[in-house]
């Protein structure tokens, strides 16, 4: 295995972790958006606040991790992606900033009007960010990003059937993960009405996401045939099957209210399809224009990246493992409060 392959493995790790962990944060914003009015949606939004508070900032570490490695180890690919796909990536970055700001400030709002405005910014950003990130991946995977500074079309590179479908699946996947996770959090908080609410959302989102993924394969067959052929053969096909089985297993576990195991199978379902999607691009990093060997940086640079990342992971992985362990044990749980409670007369 070459150093370039190791760096790609790090990128794969980061994207998978962000898809499993960060997507759930964005999905929580989806349920915040669809919760209803201030009083009717107050309890749902209160659980969103409680579940996200300990981990939402930590989850974005993986996005930074991916960007730094891509920039350093594959600079030509990085420049090509971030120039041709500058519009969706810029909108995603702005959305992440506004989303985080709104989430942090909403809990300190002085009036219900302020809380509603901040909540709308948080919720809308939570839907738009994963859509734009998914559209970006779709643009790269479908071969619409050529080599060079803004060499591709600034609109059709990300607004096309594959990108739109990838963006929609990203939004739905996050909603599915969030509902599964928060059903478990509600059970731990001994809030049976919220357990039922998120259980219903998890079941519905699971079915819709599965249908969307199946439709996505049909879209790929017509719009990105080489990607479709890779996903439906060999190792990538096995990942698609694992993802499907993981999704079905999660629905079955949620139906039987076994939320601890459902967290695991939901994460496996998402991780498998991400791995299959990214491996389907090999040997290209910008299919079909730029191979991994053509895009890689110098040997010295790749060696420095591998050594630096390996050293960093020694600190990062145990720290995040300890954080999530404390969260799952309930030791970082905040006291539950419906979001509108302090504004009631």
C-alpha atoms as a PDB file:
ATOM      1  CA  UNK A   1       0.000   0.000   0.000  1.00  0.00           C
ATOM      2  CA  UNK A   2       1.380   3.393  -1.020  1.00  0.00           C
ATOM      3  CA  UNK A   3       1.444   6.531   1.095  1.00  0.00           C
ATOM      4  CA  UNK A   4      -1.188   8.024  -1.222  1.00  0.00           C
ATOM      5  CA  UNK A   5      -3.495   5.091  -0.438  1.00  0.00           C
ATOM      6  CA  UNK A   6      -2.937   5.632   3.284  1.00  0.00           C
ATOM      7  CA  UNK A   7      -3.866   9.304   2.922  1.00  0.00           C
ATOM      8  CA  UNK A   8      -6.978   8.303   0.983  1.00  0.00           C
ATOM      9  CA  UNK A   9      -7.790   5.893   3.795  1.00  0.00           C
ATOM     10  CA  UNK A  10      -7.613   8.786   6.250  1.00  0.00           C
ATOM     11  CA  UNK A  11      -9.961  10.808   4.026  1.00  0.00           C
ATOM     12  CA  UNK A  12     -12.345   7.845   3.855  1.00  0.00           C
ATOM     13  CA  UNK A  13     -12.240   7.545   7.647  1.00  0.00           C
ATOM     14  CA  UNK A  14     -13.021  11.225   8.086  1.00  0.00           C
ATOM     15  CA  UNK A  15     -15.885  11.314   5.586  1.00  0.00           C
ATOM     16  CA  UNK A  16     -17.416   8.173   7.095  1.00  0.00           C
ATOM     17  CA  UNK A  17     -17.159   9.536  10.640  1.00  0.00           C
ATOM     18  CA  UNK A  18     -18.677  12.843   9.559  1.00  0.00           C
ATOM     19  CA  UNK A  19     -21.495  11.039   7.750  1.00  0.00           C
ATOM     20  CA  UNK A  20     -22.312   8.931  10.826  1.00  0.00           C
ATOM     21  CA  UNK A  21     -21.887  11.615  13.488  1.00  0.00           C
ATOM     22  CA  UNK A  22     -22.234  15.005  11.817  1.00  0.00           C
ATOM     23  CA  UNK A  23     -25.215  13.878   9.721  1.00  0.00           C
ATOM     24  CA  UNK A  24     -27.142  13.086  12.881  1.00  0.00           C
ATOM     25  CA  UNK A  25     -26.620  16.661  14.071  1.00  0.00           C
ATOM     26  CA  UNK A  26     -27.970  18.011  10.800  1.00  0.00           C
ATOM     27  CA  UNK A  27     -30.825  15.538  10.998  1.00  0.00           C
ATOM     28  CA  UNK A  28     -31.748  16.855  14.429  1.00  0.00           C
ATOM     29  CA  UNK A  29     -32.179  20.237  12.770  1.00  0.00           C
ATOM     30  CA  UNK A  30     -34.533  18.631  10.239  1.00  0.00           C
ATOM     31  CA  UNK A  31     -36.806  17.446  13.050  1.00  0.00           C
ATOM     32  CA  UNK A  32     -36.520  20.873  14.672  1.00  0.00           C
ATOM     33  CA  UNK A  33     -37.728  22.414  11.398  1.00  0.00           C
ATOM     34  CA  UNK A  34     -40.692  20.055  11.097  1.00  0.00           C
ATOM     35  CA  UNK A  35     -41.670  19.975  14.787  1.00  0.00           C
ATOM     36  CA  UNK A  36     -44.524  22.454  14.450  1.00  0.00           C
ATOM     37  CA  UNK A  37     -45.415  25.650  16.302  1.00  0.00           C
ATOM     38  CA  UNK A  38     -43.749  26.903  19.461  1.00  0.00           C
ATOM     39  CA  UNK A  39     -45.982  25.029  21.888  1.00  0.00           C
ATOM     40  CA  UNK A  40     -46.619  21.870  19.852  1.00  0.00           C
ATOM     41  CA  UNK A  41     -42.962  21.534  18.865  1.00  0.00           C
ATOM     42  CA  UNK A  42     -41.476  22.672  22.151  1.00  0.00           C
ATOM     43  CA  UNK A  43     -40.900  19.175  23.520  1.00  0.00           C
ATOM     44  CA  UNK A  44     -39.268  17.912  20.313  1.00  0.00           C
ATOM     45  CA  UNK A  45     -36.998  20.958  20.188  1.00  0.00           C
ATOM     46  CA  UNK A  46     -36.122  20.530  23.840  1.00  0.00           C
ATOM     47  CA  UNK A  47     -34.849  17.010  23.126  1.00  0.00           C
ATOM     48  CA  UNK A  48     -32.910  18.261  20.088  1.00  0.00           C
ATOM     49  CA  UNK A  49     -31.207  20.803  22.345  1.00  0.00           C
ATOM     50  CA  UNK A  50     -30.483  18.211  25.030  1.00  0.00           C
ATOM     51  CA  UNK A  51     -29.105  15.584  22.638  1.00  0.00           C
ATOM     52  CA  UNK A  52     -26.927  17.890  20.565  1.00  0.00           C
ATOM     53  CA  UNK A  53     -25.397  20.107  23.243  1.00  0.00           C
ATOM     54  CA  UNK A  54     -22.537  17.817  24.396  1.00  0.00           C
ATOM     55  CA  UNK A  55     -21.292  16.773  20.934  1.00  0.00           C
ATOM     56  CA  UNK A  56     -22.270  19.112  18.103  1.00  0.00           C
ATOM     57  CA  UNK A  57     -18.989  21.043  18.043  1.00  0.00           C
ATOM     58  CA  UNK A  58     -16.834  17.910  18.277  1.00  0.00           C
ATOM     59  CA  UNK A  59     -18.495  16.313  15.247  1.00  0.00           C
ATOM     60  CA  UNK A  60     -17.142  19.021  12.918  1.00  0.00           C
ATOM     61  CA  UNK A  61     -13.582  17.949  13.737  1.00  0.00           C
ATOM     62  CA  UNK A  62     -13.951  15.285  11.041  1.00  0.00           C
ATOM     63  CA  UNK A  63     -14.788  17.837   8.350  1.00  0.00           C
ATOM     64  CA  UNK A  64     -11.649  19.826   9.159  1.00  0.00           C
ATOM     65  CA  UNK A  65      -9.684  16.566   9.245  1.00  0.00           C
ATOM     66  CA  UNK A  66     -10.785  15.690   5.690  1.00  0.00           C
ATOM     67  CA  UNK A  67     -10.154  19.148   4.257  1.00  0.00           C
ATOM     68  CA  UNK A  68      -6.628  19.425   5.678  1.00  0.00           C
ATOM     69  CA  UNK A  69      -5.561  16.019   4.355  1.00  0.00           C
ATOM     70  CA  UNK A  70      -7.111  16.598   0.907  1.00  0.00           C
ATOM     71  CA  UNK A  71      -5.478  20.027   0.661  1.00  0.00           C
ATOM     72  CA  UNK A  72      -2.055  18.747   1.662  1.00  0.00           C
ATOM     73  CA  UNK A  73      -1.894  15.290   0.094  1.00  0.00           C
ATOM     74  CA  UNK A  74      -3.825  15.980  -3.141  1.00  0.00           C
ATOM     75  CA  UNK A  75      -3.498  19.732  -3.817  1.00  0.00           C
ATOM     76  CA  UNK A  76      -4.461  19.596  -7.508  1.00  0.00           C
ATOM     77  CA  UNK A  77      -7.682  17.751  -6.717  1.00  0.00           C
ATOM     78  CA  UNK A  78      -8.404  20.123  -3.834  1.00  0.00           C
ATOM     79  CA  UNK A  79      -7.970  23.188  -6.020  1.00  0.00           C
ATOM     80  CA  UNK A  80     -10.099  21.746  -8.803  1.00  0.00           C
ATOM     81  CA  UNK A  81     -12.924  20.764  -6.446  1.00  0.00           C
ATOM     82  CA  UNK A  82     -12.997  23.977  -4.471  1.00  0.00           C
ATOM     83  CA  UNK A  83     -12.929  26.206  -7.553  1.00  0.00           C
ATOM     84  CA  UNK A  84     -15.458  24.399  -9.755  1.00  0.00           C
ATOM     85  CA  UNK A  85     -17.731  23.618  -6.782  1.00  0.00           C
ATOM     86  CA  UNK A  86     -17.109  26.927  -5.031  1.00  0.00           C
ATOM     87  CA  UNK A  87     -20.799  27.893  -4.886  1.00  0.00           C
ATOM     88  CA  UNK A  88     -22.218  24.873  -2.999  1.00  0.00           C
ATOM     89  CA  UNK A  89     -19.147  24.670  -0.766  1.00  0.00           C
ATOM     90  CA  UNK A  90     -19.370  28.380   0.067  1.00  0.00           C
ATOM     91  CA  UNK A  91     -23.073  28.044   0.881  1.00  0.00           C
ATOM     92  CA  UNK A  92     -22.359  24.980   3.029  1.00  0.00           C
ATOM     93  CA  UNK A  93     -19.636  26.843   4.930  1.00  0.00           C
ATOM     94  CA  UNK A  94     -21.899  29.847   5.527  1.00  0.00           C
ATOM     95  CA  UNK A  95     -24.653  27.495   6.628  1.00  0.00           C
ATOM     96  CA  UNK A  96     -22.385  25.760   9.149  1.00  0.00           C
ATOM     97  CA  UNK A  97     -21.400  29.137  10.646  1.00  0.00           C
ATOM     98  CA  UNK A  98     -24.958  30.458  10.861  1.00  0.00           C
ATOM     99  CA  UNK A  99     -26.244  27.125  12.136  1.00  0.00           C
ATOM    100  CA  UNK A 100     -23.735  26.930  14.972  1.00  0.00           C
ATOM    101  CA  UNK A 101     -24.296  30.555  15.945  1.00  0.00           C
ATOM    102  CA  UNK A 102     -28.067  30.182  15.960  1.00  0.00           C
ATOM    103  CA  UNK A 103     -27.935  26.963  17.994  1.00  0.00           C
ATOM    104  CA  UNK A 104     -25.642  28.512  20.611  1.00  0.00           C
ATOM    105  CA  UNK A 105     -27.728  31.683  20.928  1.00  0.00           C
ATOM    106  CA  UNK A 106     -31.212  30.202  20.804  1.00  0.00           C
ATOM    107  CA  UNK A 107     -30.980  28.896  24.351  1.00  0.00           C
ATOM    108  CA  UNK A 108     -30.221  32.436  25.546  1.00  0.00           C
ATOM    109  CA  UNK A 109     -33.017  34.173  23.625  1.00  0.00           C
ATOM    110  CA  UNK A 110     -34.864  36.774  25.682  1.00  0.00           C
ATOM    111  CA  UNK A 111     -38.196  36.531  23.876  1.00  0.00           C
ATOM    112  CA  UNK A 112     -40.136  33.888  21.973  1.00  0.00           C
ATOM    113  CA  UNK A 113     -39.731  36.001  18.804  1.00  0.00           C
ATOM    114  CA  UNK A 114     -35.940  35.878  19.097  1.00  0.00           C
ATOM    115  CA  UNK A 115     -36.055  32.142  19.750  1.00  0.00           C
ATOM    116  CA  UNK A 116     -38.197  31.606  16.653  1.00  0.00           C
ATOM    117  CA  UNK A 117     -35.851  33.579  14.390  1.00  0.00           C
ATOM    118  CA  UNK A 118     -32.767  31.803  15.711  1.00  0.00           C
ATOM    119  CA  UNK A 119     -34.557  28.461  15.519  1.00  0.00           C
ATOM    120  CA  UNK A 120     -35.491  29.079  11.883  1.00  0.00           C
ATOM    121  CA  UNK A 121     -31.872  29.889  10.995  1.00  0.00           C
ATOM    122  CA  UNK A 122     -30.653  26.770  12.793  1.00  0.00           C
ATOM    123  CA  UNK A 123     -33.263  24.470  11.247  1.00  0.00           C
ATOM    124  CA  UNK A 124     -33.016  25.745   7.667  1.00  0.00           C
ATOM    125  CA  UNK A 125     -29.211  25.617   7.772  1.00  0.00           C
ATOM    126  CA  UNK A 126     -29.408  22.058   9.070  1.00  0.00           C
ATOM    127  CA  UNK A 127     -31.233  21.045   5.889  1.00  0.00           C
ATOM    128  CA  UNK A 128     -29.284  23.124   3.364  1.00  0.00           C
ATOM    129  CA  UNK A 129     -25.770  22.222   4.574  1.00  0.00           C
ATOM    130  CA  UNK A 130     -26.054  18.433   4.059  1.00  0.00           C
ATOM    131  CA  UNK A 131     -27.803  19.024   0.735  1.00  0.00           C
ATOM    132  CA  UNK A 132     -24.938  21.157  -0.569  1.00  0.00           C
ATOM    133  CA  UNK A 133     -22.290  18.784   0.782  1.00  0.00           C
ATOM    134  CA  UNK A 134     -24.075  15.816  -0.812  1.00  0.00           C
ATOM    135  CA  UNK A 135     -24.413  17.716  -4.093  1.00  0.00           C
ATOM    136  CA  UNK A 136     -20.665  18.379  -3.993  1.00  0.00           C
ATOM    137  CA  UNK A 137     -19.875  14.688  -3.601  1.00  0.00           C
ATOM    138  CA  UNK A 138     -22.316  13.894  -6.399  1.00  0.00           C
ATOM    139  CA  UNK A 139     -20.605  16.368  -8.705  1.00  0.00           C
ATOM    140  CA  UNK A 140     -17.194  14.839  -8.081  1.00  0.00           C
ATOM    141  CA  UNK A 141     -18.349  11.227  -8.305  1.00  0.00           C
ATOM    142  CA  UNK A 142     -20.285  11.778 -11.537  1.00  0.00           C
ATOM    143  CA  UNK A 143     -17.227  13.194 -13.309  1.00  0.00           C
ATOM    144  CA  UNK A 144     -18.283  16.834 -13.549  1.00  0.00           C
ATOM    145  CA  UNK A 145     -15.143  18.299 -11.959  1.00  0.00           C
ATOM    146  CA  UNK A 146     -12.279  18.494 -14.480  1.00  0.00           C
ATOM    147  CA  UNK A 147      -8.698  19.334 -13.560  1.00  0.00           C
ATOM    148  CA  UNK A 148      -7.915  23.032 -13.314  1.00  0.00           C
ATOM    149  CA  UNK A 149      -8.949  26.261 -11.673  1.00  0.00           C
ATOM    150  CA  UNK A 150     -12.745  26.553 -12.118  1.00  0.00           C
ATOM    151  CA  UNK A 151     -12.432  24.383 -15.234  1.00  0.00           C
ATOM    152  CA  UNK A 152     -15.911  22.934 -14.797  1.00  0.00           C
ATOM    153  CA  UNK A 153     -19.298  24.611 -15.076  1.00  0.00           C
ATOM    154  CA  UNK A 154     -20.024  26.517 -11.865  1.00  0.00           C
ATOM    155  CA  UNK A 155     -23.705  25.517 -11.880  1.00  0.00           C
ATOM    156  CA  UNK A 156     -24.230  22.215 -13.683  1.00  0.00           C
ATOM    157  CA  UNK A 157     -21.252  20.682 -11.849  1.00  0.00           C
ATOM    158  CA  UNK A 158     -23.467  20.448  -8.752  1.00  0.00           C
ATOM    159  CA  UNK A 159     -26.998  21.051 -10.057  1.00  0.00           C
ATOM    160  CA  UNK A 160     -27.559  17.824 -11.983  1.00  0.00           C
ATOM    161  CA  UNK A 161     -29.538  14.594 -11.369  1.00  0.00           C
ATOM    162  CA  UNK A 162     -26.750  12.772  -9.502  1.00  0.00           C
ATOM    163  CA  UNK A 163     -25.886  15.737  -7.292  1.00  0.00           C
ATOM    164  CA  UNK A 164     -29.484  16.578  -6.461  1.00  0.00           C
ATOM    165  CA  UNK A 165     -30.206  12.954  -5.575  1.00  0.00           C
ATOM    166  CA  UNK A 166     -27.025  12.757  -3.449  1.00  0.00           C
ATOM    167  CA  UNK A 167     -28.047  15.941  -1.637  1.00  0.00           C
ATOM    168  CA  UNK A 168     -31.549  14.650  -0.921  1.00  0.00           C
ATOM    169  CA  UNK A 169     -30.221  11.303   0.319  1.00  0.00           C
ATOM    170  CA  UNK A 170     -27.770  13.164   2.587  1.00  0.00           C
ATOM    171  CA  UNK A 171     -30.638  15.141   4.154  1.00  0.00           C
ATOM    172  CA  UNK A 172     -32.811  12.043   4.597  1.00  0.00           C
ATOM    173  CA  UNK A 173     -29.957   9.961   5.993  1.00  0.00           C
ATOM    174  CA  UNK A 174     -29.259  12.577   8.643  1.00  0.00           C
ATOM    175  CA  UNK A 175     -32.937  12.687   9.597  1.00  0.00           C
ATOM    176  CA  UNK A 176     -33.012   8.895   9.920  1.00  0.00           C
ATOM    177  CA  UNK A 177     -29.888   8.770  12.095  1.00  0.00           C
ATOM    178  CA  UNK A 178     -31.074  11.624  14.296  1.00  0.00           C
ATOM    179  CA  UNK A 179     -34.466  10.038  14.911  1.00  0.00           C
ATOM    180  CA  UNK A 180     -32.869   6.715  15.888  1.00  0.00           C
ATOM    181  CA  UNK A 181     -30.355   8.381  18.195  1.00  0.00           C
ATOM    182  CA  UNK A 182     -32.896  10.666  19.852  1.00  0.00           C
ATOM    183  CA  UNK A 183     -35.376   7.860  20.396  1.00  0.00           C
ATOM    184  CA  UNK A 184     -32.657   6.228  22.505  1.00  0.00           C
ATOM    185  CA  UNK A 185     -31.883   9.505  24.253  1.00  0.00           C
ATOM    186  CA  UNK A 186     -35.576   9.977  25.063  1.00  0.00           C
ATOM    187  CA  UNK A 187     -35.743   6.472  26.491  1.00  0.00           C
ATOM    188  CA  UNK A 188     -32.730   7.201  28.696  1.00  0.00           C
ATOM    189  CA  UNK A 189     -34.408  10.432  29.836  1.00  0.00           C
ATOM    190  CA  UNK A 190     -37.584   8.463  30.699  1.00  0.00           C
ATOM    191  CA  UNK A 191     -39.794  10.555  28.426  1.00  0.00           C
ATOM    192  CA  UNK A 192     -42.174   7.998  26.874  1.00  0.00           C
ATOM    193  CA  UNK A 193     -44.071  10.516  24.723  1.00  0.00           C
ATOM    194  CA  UNK A 194     -40.825  11.574  23.027  1.00  0.00           C
ATOM    195  CA  UNK A 195     -39.742   7.944  22.635  1.00  0.00           C
ATOM    196  CA  UNK A 196     -42.949   7.342  20.693  1.00  0.00           C
ATOM    197  CA  UNK A 197     -42.517  10.529  18.687  1.00  0.00           C
ATOM    198  CA  UNK A 198     -38.964   9.768  17.588  1.00  0.00           C
ATOM    199  CA  UNK A 199     -39.730   6.076  17.093  1.00  0.00           C
ATOM    200  CA  UNK A 200     -42.408   7.031  14.557  1.00  0.00           C
ATOM    201  CA  UNK A 201     -40.026   9.478  12.889  1.00  0.00           C
ATOM    202  CA  UNK A 202     -37.258   6.881  12.713  1.00  0.00           C
ATOM    203  CA  UNK A 203     -39.531   4.299  11.100  1.00  0.00           C
ATOM    204  CA  UNK A 204     -40.893   6.772   8.579  1.00  0.00           C
ATOM    205  CA  UNK A 205     -37.488   8.239   7.742  1.00  0.00           C
ATOM    206  CA  UNK A 206     -36.007   4.757   7.380  1.00  0.00           C
ATOM    207  CA  UNK A 207     -38.554   3.753   4.775  1.00  0.00           C
ATOM    208  CA  UNK A 208     -38.293   7.044   2.865  1.00  0.00           C
ATOM    209  CA  UNK A 209     -34.480   6.956   2.906  1.00  0.00           C
ATOM    210  CA  UNK A 210     -34.449   3.384   1.611  1.00  0.00           C
ATOM    211  CA  UNK A 211     -36.790   4.289  -1.239  1.00  0.00           C
ATOM    212  CA  UNK A 212     -34.697   7.370  -2.059  1.00  0.00           C
ATOM    213  CA  UNK A 213     -31.510   5.273  -2.148  1.00  0.00           C
ATOM    214  CA  UNK A 214     -33.140   2.802  -4.548  1.00  0.00           C
ATOM    215  CA  UNK A 215     -34.332   5.650  -6.779  1.00  0.00           C
ATOM    216  CA  UNK A 216     -30.809   7.065  -6.575  1.00  0.00           C
ATOM    217  CA  UNK A 217     -29.413   3.936  -8.208  1.00  0.00           C
ATOM    218  CA  UNK A 218     -31.862   4.382 -11.077  1.00  0.00           C
ATOM    219  CA  UNK A 219     -30.759   8.007 -11.440  1.00  0.00           C
ATOM    220  CA  UNK A 220     -27.100   6.926 -11.493  1.00  0.00           C
ATOM    221  CA  UNK A 221     -27.811   4.382 -14.222  1.00  0.00           C
ATOM    222  CA  UNK A 222     -28.980   7.143 -16.514  1.00  0.00           C
ATOM    223  CA  UNK A 223     -26.739  10.017 -15.433  1.00  0.00           C
ATOM    224  CA  UNK A 224     -23.463   8.477 -14.226  1.00  0.00           C
ATOM    225  CA  UNK A 225     -23.235   5.017 -15.762  1.00  0.00           C
ATOM    226  CA  UNK A 226     -19.619   4.283 -14.805  1.00  0.00           C
ATOM    227  CA  UNK A 227     -20.382   5.036 -11.155  1.00  0.00           C
ATOM    228  CA  UNK A 228     -23.507   2.880 -11.328  1.00  0.00           C
ATOM    229  CA  UNK A 229     -21.540  -0.025 -12.827  1.00  0.00           C
ATOM    230  CA  UNK A 230     -18.952   0.199 -10.034  1.00  0.00           C
ATOM    231  CA  UNK A 231     -21.587   0.325  -7.296  1.00  0.00           C
ATOM    232  CA  UNK A 232     -23.391  -2.731  -8.666  1.00  0.00           C
ATOM    233  CA  UNK A 233     -20.408  -5.054  -8.885  1.00  0.00           C
ATOM    234  CA  UNK A 234     -17.673  -6.529  -6.699  1.00  0.00           C
ATOM    235  CA  UNK A 235     -16.762  -4.971  -3.359  1.00  0.00           C
ATOM    236  CA  UNK A 236     -18.958  -1.913  -3.848  1.00  0.00           C
ATOM    237  CA  UNK A 237     -22.021  -4.080  -4.418  1.00  0.00           C
ATOM    238  CA  UNK A 238     -21.301  -5.877  -1.153  1.00  0.00           C
ATOM    239  CA  UNK A 239     -21.246  -2.480   0.593  1.00  0.00           C
ATOM    240  CA  UNK A 240     -24.596  -1.569  -0.964  1.00  0.00           C
ATOM    241  CA  UNK A 241     -26.041  -4.868   0.303  1.00  0.00           C
ATOM    242  CA  UNK A 242     -24.573  -4.329   3.785  1.00  0.00           C
ATOM    243  CA  UNK A 243     -26.094  -0.841   3.832  1.00  0.00           C
ATOM    244  CA  UNK A 244     -29.491  -2.185   2.835  1.00  0.00           C
ATOM    245  CA  UNK A 245     -29.392  -4.926   5.447  1.00  0.00           C
ATOM    246  CA  UNK A 246     -28.232  -2.430   8.064  1.00  0.00           C
ATOM    247  CA  UNK A 247     -31.162  -0.153   7.251  1.00  0.00           C
ATOM    248  CA  UNK A 248     -33.676  -3.007   7.425  1.00  0.00           C
ATOM    249  CA  UNK A 249     -32.113  -4.230  10.667  1.00  0.00           C
ATOM    250  CA  UNK A 250     -32.371  -0.750  12.153  1.00  0.00           C
ATOM    251  CA  UNK A 251     -36.049  -0.492  11.270  1.00  0.00           C
ATOM    252  CA  UNK A 252     -36.677  -3.883  12.878  1.00  0.00           C
ATOM    253  CA  UNK A 253     -34.776  -2.902  16.026  1.00  0.00           C
ATOM    254  CA  UNK A 254     -36.567   0.447  16.299  1.00  0.00           C
ATOM    255  CA  UNK A 255     -39.904  -1.339  15.843  1.00  0.00           C
ATOM    256  CA  UNK A 256     -38.989  -3.598  18.782  1.00  0.00           C
ATOM    257  CA  UNK A 257     -37.688  -0.582  20.749  1.00  0.00           C
ATOM    258  CA  UNK A 258     -34.088  -1.823  21.015  1.00  0.00           C
ATOM    259  CA  UNK A 259     -32.492   1.550  20.482  1.00  0.00           C
ATOM    260  CA  UNK A 260     -28.976   0.735  21.673  1.00  0.00           C
ATOM    261  CA  UNK A 261     -28.441  -1.840  18.929  1.00  0.00           C
ATOM    262  CA  UNK A 262     -30.351   0.327  16.460  1.00  0.00           C
ATOM    263  CA  UNK A 263     -27.692   3.028  16.852  1.00  0.00           C
ATOM    264  CA  UNK A 264     -25.043   0.548  15.753  1.00  0.00           C
ATOM    265  CA  UNK A 265     -26.908  -0.863  12.761  1.00  0.00           C
ATOM    266  CA  UNK A 266     -27.910   2.626  11.583  1.00  0.00           C
ATOM    267  CA  UNK A 267     -24.277   3.718  11.716  1.00  0.00           C
ATOM    268  CA  UNK A 268     -23.234   0.588   9.806  1.00  0.00           C
ATOM    269  CA  UNK A 269     -25.855   1.266   7.113  1.00  0.00           C
ATOM    270  CA  UNK A 270     -24.586   4.794   6.534  1.00  0.00           C
ATOM    271  CA  UNK A 271     -20.897   3.907   6.773  1.00  0.00           C
ATOM    272  CA  UNK A 272     -21.240   1.039   4.272  1.00  0.00           C
ATOM    273  CA  UNK A 273     -22.819   3.164   1.541  1.00  0.00           C
ATOM    274  CA  UNK A 274     -20.261   5.943   2.047  1.00  0.00           C
ATOM    275  CA  UNK A 275     -17.393   3.454   1.751  1.00  0.00           C
ATOM    276  CA  UNK A 276     -18.938   1.842  -1.328  1.00  0.00           C
ATOM    277  CA  UNK A 277     -19.560   5.216  -2.984  1.00  0.00           C
ATOM    278  CA  UNK A 278     -15.992   6.439  -2.456  1.00  0.00           C
ATOM    279  CA  UNK A 279     -14.299   3.155  -3.392  1.00  0.00           C
ATOM    280  CA  UNK A 280     -16.369   3.113  -6.597  1.00  0.00           C
ATOM    281  CA  UNK A 281     -14.295   6.064  -7.830  1.00  0.00           C
ATOM    282  CA  UNK A 282     -10.952   4.210  -7.783  1.00  0.00           C
ATOM    283  CA  UNK A 283      -8.440   4.585  -9.382  1.00  0.00           C
ATOM    284  CA  UNK A 284      -9.640   8.157  -9.869  1.00  0.00           C
ATOM    285  CA  UNK A 285      -9.820  10.955  -7.357  1.00  0.00           C
ATOM    286  CA  UNK A 286     -11.573  13.148  -9.947  1.00  0.00           C
ATOM    287  CA  UNK A 287     -13.242  10.618 -12.238  1.00  0.00           C
ATOM    288  CA  UNK A 288     -12.532  10.233 -15.094  1.00  0.00           C
ATOM    289  CA  UNK A 289     -10.006  13.071 -15.332  1.00  0.00           C
ATOM    290  CA  UNK A 290      -7.414  12.635 -12.571  1.00  0.00           C
ATOM    291  CA  UNK A 291      -6.057   9.420 -11.033  1.00  0.00           C
ATOM    292  CA  UNK A 292      -4.780   9.078  -7.509  1.00  0.00           C
ATOM    293  CA  UNK A 293      -1.188   8.731  -8.720  1.00  0.00           C
ATOM    294  CA  UNK A 294      -1.466  11.853 -10.857  1.00  0.00           C
ATOM    295  CA  UNK A 295      -2.965  13.901  -8.037  1.00  0.00           C
ATOM    296  CA  UNK A 296      -0.713  12.922  -5.140  1.00  0.00           C
ATOM    297  CA  UNK A 297       1.798  15.315  -3.602  1.00  0.00           C
ATOM    298  CA  UNK A 298       5.495  14.559  -3.262  1.00  0.00           C
ATOM    299  CA  UNK A 299       6.704  11.562  -1.265  1.00  0.00           C
ATOM    300  CA  UNK A 300       8.067  13.811   1.484  1.00  0.00           C
ATOM    301  CA  UNK A 301       4.752  15.626   1.820  1.00  0.00           C
ATOM    302  CA  UNK A 302       2.750  12.393   1.956  1.00  0.00           C
ATOM    303  CA  UNK A 303       5.122  10.964   4.565  1.00  0.00           C
ATOM    304  CA  UNK A 304       4.728  14.089   6.700  1.00  0.00           C
ATOM    305  CA  UNK A 305       0.931  13.851   6.401  1.00  0.00           C
ATOM    306  CA  UNK A 306       0.889  10.190   7.439  1.00  0.00           C
ATOM    307  CA  UNK A 307       3.184  10.775  10.414  1.00  0.00           C
ATOM    308  CA  UNK A 308       1.279  13.889  11.508  1.00  0.00           C
ATOM    309  CA  UNK A 309      -2.136  12.274  11.211  1.00  0.00           C
ATOM    310  CA  UNK A 310      -1.002   9.107  12.991  1.00  0.00           C
ATOM    311  CA  UNK A 311       0.320  11.181  15.875  1.00  0.00           C
ATOM    312  CA  UNK A 312      -2.834  13.274  15.975  1.00  0.00           C
ATOM    313  CA  UNK A 313      -5.130  10.255  15.975  1.00  0.00           C
ATOM    314  CA  UNK A 314      -3.411   9.003  19.111  1.00  0.00           C
ATOM    315  CA  UNK A 315      -4.923  12.029  20.846  1.00  0.00           C
ATOM    316  CA  UNK A 316      -8.103  12.513  18.821  1.00  0.00           C
ATOM    317  CA  UNK A 317      -9.553   8.997  18.814  1.00  0.00           C
ATOM    318  CA  UNK A 318      -9.324   8.332  22.598  1.00  0.00           C
ATOM    319  CA  UNK A 319     -10.665  11.823  23.320  1.00  0.00           C
ATOM    320  CA  UNK A 320     -13.696  11.394  21.082  1.00  0.00           C
ATOM    321  CA  UNK A 321     -14.251   7.827  22.299  1.00  0.00           C
ATOM    322  CA  UNK A 322     -14.288   9.088  25.900  1.00  0.00           C
ATOM    323  CA  UNK A 323     -16.661  11.932  24.990  1.00  0.00           C
ATOM    324  CA  UNK A 324     -19.172   9.670  23.236  1.00  0.00           C
ATOM    325  CA  UNK A 325     -18.890   7.080  26.012  1.00  0.00           C
ATOM    326  CA  UNK A 326     -19.838   9.726  28.579  1.00  0.00           C
ATOM    327  CA  UNK A 327     -22.714  10.870  26.372  1.00  0.00           C
ATOM    328  CA  UNK A 328     -24.102   7.345  25.892  1.00  0.00           C
ATOM    329  CA  UNK A 329     -23.816   6.708  29.636  1.00  0.00           C
ATOM    330  CA  UNK A 330     -25.883   9.840  30.242  1.00  0.00           C
ATOM    331  CA  UNK A 331     -23.176  11.500  32.318  1.00  0.00           C
ATOM    332  CA  UNK A 332     -23.222  14.672  30.204  1.00  0.00           C
ATOM    333  CA  UNK A 333     -26.989  14.917  29.898  1.00  0.00           C
ATOM    334  CA  UNK A 334     -28.554  18.301  30.577  1.00  0.00           C
ATOM    335  CA  UNK A 335     -31.812  18.606  32.441  1.00  0.00           C
ATOM    336  CA  UNK A 336     -34.619  18.245  29.909  1.00  0.00           C
ATOM    337  CA  UNK A 337     -36.767  21.305  29.300  1.00  0.00           C
ATOM    338  CA  UNK A 338     -39.252  21.962  26.469  1.00  0.00           C
ATOM    339  CA  UNK A 339     -37.763  24.796  24.456  1.00  0.00           C
ATOM    340  CA  UNK A 340     -40.792  27.059  24.838  1.00  0.00           C
ATOM    341  CA  UNK A 341     -41.239  26.468  28.575  1.00  0.00           C
ATOM    342  CA  UNK A 342     -39.529  29.605  29.843  1.00  0.00           C
ATOM    343  CA  UNK A 343     -41.701  31.786  27.579  1.00  0.00           C
ATOM    344  CA  UNK A 344     -45.001  30.439  28.891  1.00  0.00           C
ATOM    345  CA  UNK A 345     -47.135  32.747  30.966  1.00  0.00           C
END
